[in-house]
Protein backbone atom coordinates (compact mmCIF):
# COMPACT_ATOMS: atom_id res chain seq x y z
CA MET A 1 -101.12 -12.63 56.76
CA GLU A 2 -98.80 -15.58 57.29
CA GLU A 3 -96.07 -15.81 54.74
CA LYS A 4 -96.99 -19.36 53.72
CA LYS A 5 -100.33 -18.10 52.69
CA LYS A 6 -98.99 -15.44 50.34
CA VAL A 7 -99.25 -17.63 47.31
CA TRP A 8 -100.84 -17.63 43.95
CA ILE A 9 -101.68 -20.41 41.35
CA LYS A 10 -102.29 -19.90 37.65
CA GLY A 11 -105.75 -21.15 36.76
CA ARG A 12 -106.09 -24.22 34.51
CA LYS A 13 -109.35 -25.10 32.91
CA GLY A 14 -110.87 -28.18 34.58
CA ARG A 15 -108.45 -28.16 37.51
CA GLY A 16 -110.30 -25.67 39.84
CA SER A 17 -111.00 -28.27 42.51
CA GLU A 18 -107.46 -29.33 42.63
CA ILE A 19 -106.32 -25.64 43.05
CA LYS A 20 -108.89 -25.16 45.82
CA GLY A 21 -107.53 -28.27 47.52
CA ILE A 22 -103.96 -26.96 47.50
CA LEU A 23 -105.03 -23.63 48.91
CA THR A 24 -107.26 -25.08 51.59
CA GLY A 25 -104.37 -27.34 52.52
CA LEU A 26 -102.48 -24.19 53.28
CA GLY A 27 -105.18 -23.14 55.63
CA ALA A 28 -107.47 -21.04 53.45
CA LYS A 29 -111.21 -21.22 53.89
CA ALA A 30 -113.02 -22.87 50.98
CA ALA A 31 -115.26 -20.53 49.01
CA GLU A 32 -117.12 -20.59 45.79
CA VAL A 33 -114.68 -19.30 43.27
CA ILE A 34 -116.09 -17.82 40.05
CA CYS A 35 -113.27 -18.36 37.50
CA GLU A 36 -112.38 -21.79 36.23
CA ASP A 37 -110.46 -20.95 33.12
CA GLY A 38 -106.83 -20.71 32.40
CA ASP A 39 -106.79 -16.93 32.09
CA CYS A 40 -106.88 -16.17 35.91
CA ILE A 41 -105.04 -16.51 39.10
CA TYR A 42 -106.21 -18.04 42.43
CA PHE A 43 -104.83 -16.78 45.75
CA ILE A 44 -105.64 -16.49 49.48
CA ASN A 45 -107.04 -13.05 50.35
CA HIS A 46 -106.71 -11.14 53.55
CA ASP A 47 -109.97 -12.72 54.89
CA ASN A 48 -108.27 -16.14 54.54
CA GLU A 49 -110.55 -17.14 51.68
CA ILE A 50 -109.72 -18.46 48.31
CA ASP A 51 -110.12 -15.72 45.72
CA CYS A 52 -109.63 -15.43 41.98
CA VAL A 53 -108.63 -12.52 39.69
CA PRO A 54 -109.84 -13.00 36.10
CA GLY A 55 -107.34 -11.87 33.46
CA PHE A 56 -103.77 -13.08 33.96
CA SER A 57 -102.26 -9.76 32.77
CA THR A 58 -104.56 -7.29 34.60
CA GLU A 59 -103.00 -4.81 37.02
CA LEU A 60 -104.43 -6.55 40.06
CA ALA A 61 -103.07 -9.86 38.96
CA GLN A 62 -99.65 -8.29 38.41
CA ILE A 63 -99.60 -6.93 41.91
CA ILE A 64 -100.39 -10.31 43.34
CA LYS A 65 -97.76 -12.02 41.13
CA ASP A 66 -95.23 -9.37 42.24
CA ASN A 67 -95.85 -9.75 45.96
CA TYR A 68 -96.93 -13.45 46.34
CA ARG A 69 -95.01 -16.60 45.66
CA GLU A 70 -96.23 -18.78 42.76
CA ILE A 71 -97.16 -22.45 43.30
CA LYS A 72 -97.14 -24.50 40.16
CA LEU A 73 -99.66 -27.23 39.67
CA PRO A 74 -98.19 -30.70 39.30
CA ARG A 75 -98.15 -32.00 35.74
CA GLN A 76 -101.44 -33.83 35.03
CA GLU A 77 -100.57 -37.39 34.00
CA TRP A 78 -102.66 -38.70 31.09
CA GLU A 79 -103.24 -42.29 30.24
CA ASP A 80 -103.75 -44.08 26.88
CA GLY A 81 -107.20 -43.28 25.57
CA ASP A 82 -107.84 -40.04 27.56
CA VAL A 83 -109.66 -37.32 25.70
CA LEU A 84 -107.95 -33.98 25.75
CA VAL A 85 -109.19 -30.42 24.89
CA PHE A 86 -106.95 -27.69 23.28
CA ASP A 87 -107.04 -24.70 25.75
CA LYS A 88 -107.14 -21.95 23.22
CA TYR A 89 -109.61 -23.48 20.72
CA PRO A 90 -112.48 -25.46 22.36
CA GLY A 91 -113.41 -27.13 19.08
CA CYS A 92 -110.09 -29.00 19.01
CA TYR A 93 -109.82 -32.38 20.73
CA ALA A 94 -107.16 -35.08 20.88
CA LEU A 95 -107.25 -38.83 21.78
CA PHE A 96 -104.01 -39.27 23.88
CA LYS A 97 -101.69 -42.17 23.02
CA LYS A 98 -98.40 -41.63 24.85
CA TYR A 99 -95.79 -39.07 25.87
CA CYS A 100 -92.97 -38.28 23.51
CA ASN A 101 -91.15 -36.36 26.16
CA ALA A 102 -91.94 -33.96 29.03
CA TYR A 103 -93.12 -31.37 26.54
CA CYS A 104 -95.12 -33.21 23.83
CA PHE A 105 -97.41 -36.16 23.33
CA GLU A 106 -98.54 -38.37 20.50
CA ALA A 107 -102.27 -38.51 19.82
CA TYR A 108 -104.15 -41.27 17.99
CA PHE A 109 -106.00 -38.48 16.23
CA ILE A 110 -106.86 -34.73 16.68
CA ILE A 111 -110.24 -33.32 15.70
CA ASP A 112 -109.66 -29.80 14.49
CA GLY A 113 -112.86 -28.16 13.30
CA ASN A 114 -113.85 -30.10 10.23
CA SER A 115 -110.68 -32.21 9.87
CA VAL A 116 -109.21 -35.24 11.58
CA ILE A 117 -105.36 -35.53 11.78
CA PHE A 118 -104.07 -39.04 12.59
CA ASN A 119 -100.92 -39.81 14.63
CA GLU A 120 -100.14 -36.31 15.30
CA THR A 121 -97.73 -34.81 17.94
CA ALA A 122 -98.80 -31.94 20.14
CA SER A 123 -97.63 -29.76 23.02
CA VAL A 124 -98.49 -30.96 26.43
CA GLY A 125 -98.82 -27.39 27.78
CA ASN A 126 -101.69 -26.52 25.37
CA TYR A 127 -104.15 -29.34 26.44
CA HIS A 128 -106.17 -30.33 29.43
CA LEU A 129 -108.13 -33.46 30.34
CA ALA A 130 -111.70 -33.27 29.08
CA SER A 131 -114.50 -32.60 31.68
CA GLU A 132 -117.76 -34.52 31.60
CA LYS A 133 -119.40 -31.61 29.63
CA GLU A 134 -116.46 -31.47 27.20
CA LEU A 135 -116.71 -35.16 26.59
CA GLU A 136 -120.28 -34.71 25.49
CA ASP A 137 -118.99 -31.97 23.07
CA VAL A 138 -116.36 -34.36 21.64
CA GLY A 139 -119.04 -36.93 21.03
CA LYS A 140 -121.20 -34.41 19.20
CA ALA A 141 -118.23 -33.12 17.19
CA PHE A 142 -117.21 -36.64 16.16
CA TYR A 143 -120.75 -37.71 15.22
CA THR A 144 -121.25 -34.51 13.12
CA MET A 145 -118.00 -35.21 11.34
CA CYS A 146 -118.90 -38.78 10.65
CA ARG A 147 -122.37 -37.81 9.48
CA ASN A 148 -120.89 -35.21 7.13
CA PHE A 149 -118.45 -37.82 5.80
CA TYR A 150 -121.26 -40.38 5.26
CA ASP A 151 -123.44 -37.75 3.52
CA ALA A 152 -120.48 -36.77 1.18
CA SER A 153 -119.72 -40.39 0.34
CA LYS A 154 -123.33 -40.99 -0.61
CA LYS A 155 -123.32 -37.99 -3.00
CA LEU A 156 -120.14 -39.39 -4.61
CA GLU A 157 -121.83 -42.81 -5.08
CA ARG A 158 -124.78 -41.18 -6.88
CA LYS A 159 -122.50 -39.50 -9.44
């Protein structure tokens, strides 16, 4: 195996096609890869195909990390109004406003379960840009939250 192909990339939810593009750019054959979450590593196997190891801290993942060179994904630039999803808690969403610095951003609001936090600052490394499916989930969560608020306000008016 050529030395330039002995690389691995940490998986990032929603960025699987970008990772595949980087690895095919190094000469790997495109393949259907089964893991698209942040808890895996992508690499080029000895058959020159893109492969994936689920579990960032498994023994096989550690062997690959010890013997291959890591390629870091470029920072994903977000724009005003982008919807972001918290990596470790899928029910948490943010509406991006602007970067504070390289490590944090300011959000117009963050939906966290049953609460909305306005003008909050959050860590860049914990969020990713929402996919089409996740955008639908955000809409449903926001609708449910608004509906619950409306129902609660009607109960207060009746008292």
